[in-house]
Amino acid sequence: MTTAISRCKSCASANLLELDAEICFHLPGPNRLKTAPVFVFRTVAVCLECGLLQSNLSTEDLRLLKDGALQAAGISTQGPTLVRTTQSAADELPTLNDGGQPLQ
C-alpha cells in the first residue's frame, strides 16, 4: 500500500521514506477514559529533510476516528441531530460550603 504522496507538504522535498505504521489515537473529552483508543494501520511518508510525517486515512479509518471523537466528547448521533450524553463540566463539580467542603 502506498500513500500516494510524492512531495513533502512542508519543504517540497521528494526525499521521502514510506513506512508501515500502527497509529493509536487517544481521544480527548469527558468520556476519554471510557472510550477505546482508535487504531489505524497505514503507510506513512516521512520527509528525510524536515521530518514531516504524512499519511491519508481511508474512509473507514476516518469514520472510526469521527465516531470515537464523538463518543469521547459525550456526544452520540441519533438521526440527523447530535445529542450530548454527559453533563457539562460545571454540572459535575460539587457545590461547596463556606469552609470549602462539599454540601451533602
Protein backbone atom coordinates (compact mmCIF):
# COMPACT_ATOMS: atom_id res chain seq x y z
CA MET A 1 0.00 0.00 0.00
CA THR A 2 1.36 3.43 -0.86
CA THR A 3 0.42 6.83 0.48
CA ALA A 4 0.38 8.47 -2.97
CA ILE A 5 2.40 11.36 -1.51
CA SER A 6 5.27 12.35 -3.78
CA ARG A 7 6.49 15.60 -2.18
CA CYS A 8 6.72 16.95 1.35
CA LYS A 9 3.96 19.47 2.07
CA SER A 10 6.30 21.45 4.31
CA CYS A 11 9.59 21.75 2.40
CA ALA A 12 8.62 20.28 -1.03
CA SER A 13 11.40 17.70 -0.83
CA ALA A 14 10.99 14.46 -2.77
CA ASN A 15 13.28 12.71 -0.26
CA LEU A 16 10.52 10.66 1.42
CA LEU A 17 10.65 7.28 3.11
CA GLU A 18 7.46 5.21 3.16
CA LEU A 19 6.89 3.04 6.23
CA ASP A 20 4.09 0.82 7.51
CA ALA A 21 2.74 2.25 10.75
CA GLU A 22 0.31 1.47 13.54
CA ILE A 23 -1.18 4.70 14.87
CA CYS A 24 -3.16 4.74 18.11
CA PHE A 25 -5.38 7.78 18.66
CA HIS A 26 -6.27 8.57 22.30
CA LEU A 27 -9.21 10.93 22.06
CA PRO A 28 -9.84 13.91 24.36
CA GLY A 29 -13.15 14.61 26.06
CA PRO A 30 -15.12 13.95 29.24
CA ASN A 31 -15.58 10.25 28.36
CA ARG A 32 -11.99 9.69 27.23
CA LEU A 33 -11.30 7.06 29.89
CA LYS A 34 -14.38 5.07 28.82
CA THR A 35 -13.63 5.38 25.10
CA ALA A 36 -11.42 2.78 23.44
CA PRO A 37 -8.46 4.18 21.51
CA VAL A 38 -8.77 4.14 17.72
CA PHE A 39 -6.10 2.06 15.95
CA VAL A 40 -5.22 2.85 12.34
CA PHE A 41 -2.82 0.79 10.24
CA ARG A 42 -1.50 2.92 7.38
CA THR A 43 1.53 3.57 5.26
CA VAL A 44 3.12 6.88 6.19
CA ALA A 45 5.65 9.02 4.38
CA VAL A 46 8.41 10.61 6.44
CA CYS A 47 10.32 13.54 4.94
CA LEU A 48 14.02 12.87 5.45
CA GLU A 49 14.75 16.61 5.13
CA CYS A 50 12.39 18.24 7.66
CA GLY A 51 10.81 15.26 9.46
CA LEU A 52 7.19 15.91 8.49
CA LEU A 53 5.03 12.79 8.78
CA GLN A 54 2.30 12.47 6.12
CA SER A 55 -0.47 9.95 5.55
CA ASN A 56 -4.00 9.64 4.25
CA LEU A 57 -6.81 7.95 6.18
CA SER A 58 -9.21 5.59 4.45
CA THR A 59 -12.93 6.35 4.58
CA GLU A 60 -13.38 3.59 7.19
CA ASP A 61 -10.48 4.86 9.35
CA LEU A 62 -11.91 8.37 9.18
CA ARG A 63 -15.37 7.09 10.22
CA LEU A 64 -13.87 5.22 13.19
CA LEU A 65 -11.98 8.34 14.25
CA LYS A 66 -15.08 10.55 13.98
CA ASP A 67 -17.23 8.05 15.92
CA GLY A 68 -14.55 7.72 18.61
CA ALA A 69 -14.20 11.51 18.93
CA LEU A 70 -17.96 11.91 19.33
CA GLN A 71 -18.07 9.15 21.95
CA ALA A 72 -15.13 10.65 23.88
CA ALA A 73 -16.85 14.05 23.81
CA GLY A 74 -20.02 12.51 25.21
CA ILE A 75 -21.99 13.02 22.01
CA SER A 76 -23.90 10.32 20.17
CA THR A 77 -25.56 10.65 16.81
CA GLN A 78 -29.20 9.72 16.62
CA GLY A 79 -30.55 10.50 13.19
CA PRO A 80 -29.66 13.92 11.82
CA THR A 81 -29.18 15.58 15.24
CA LEU A 82 -26.41 15.33 17.79
CA VAL A 83 -27.35 14.50 21.36
CA ARG A 84 -24.99 15.23 24.29
CA THR A 85 -24.89 12.20 26.60
CA THR A 86 -22.92 13.71 29.51
CA GLN A 87 -23.43 16.57 31.87
CA SER A 88 -21.42 19.73 31.39
CA ALA A 89 -18.21 20.06 33.40
CA ALA A 90 -19.91 22.66 35.64
CA ASP A 91 -22.70 20.17 36.48
CA GLU A 92 -20.12 17.62 37.63
CA LEU A 93 -18.46 19.98 40.15
CA PRO A 94 -19.72 19.70 43.73
CA THR A 95 -21.26 22.69 45.46
CA LEU A 96 -19.02 23.78 48.37
CA ASN A 97 -19.93 25.39 51.68
CA ASP A 98 -18.08 28.38 53.17
CA GLY A 99 -15.43 26.05 54.58
CA GLY A 100 -14.69 24.58 51.15
CA GLN A 101 -16.34 21.23 51.92
CA PRO A 102 -18.89 19.60 49.57
CA LEU A 103 -22.52 20.08 50.59
CA GLN A 104 -24.31 16.84 51.41
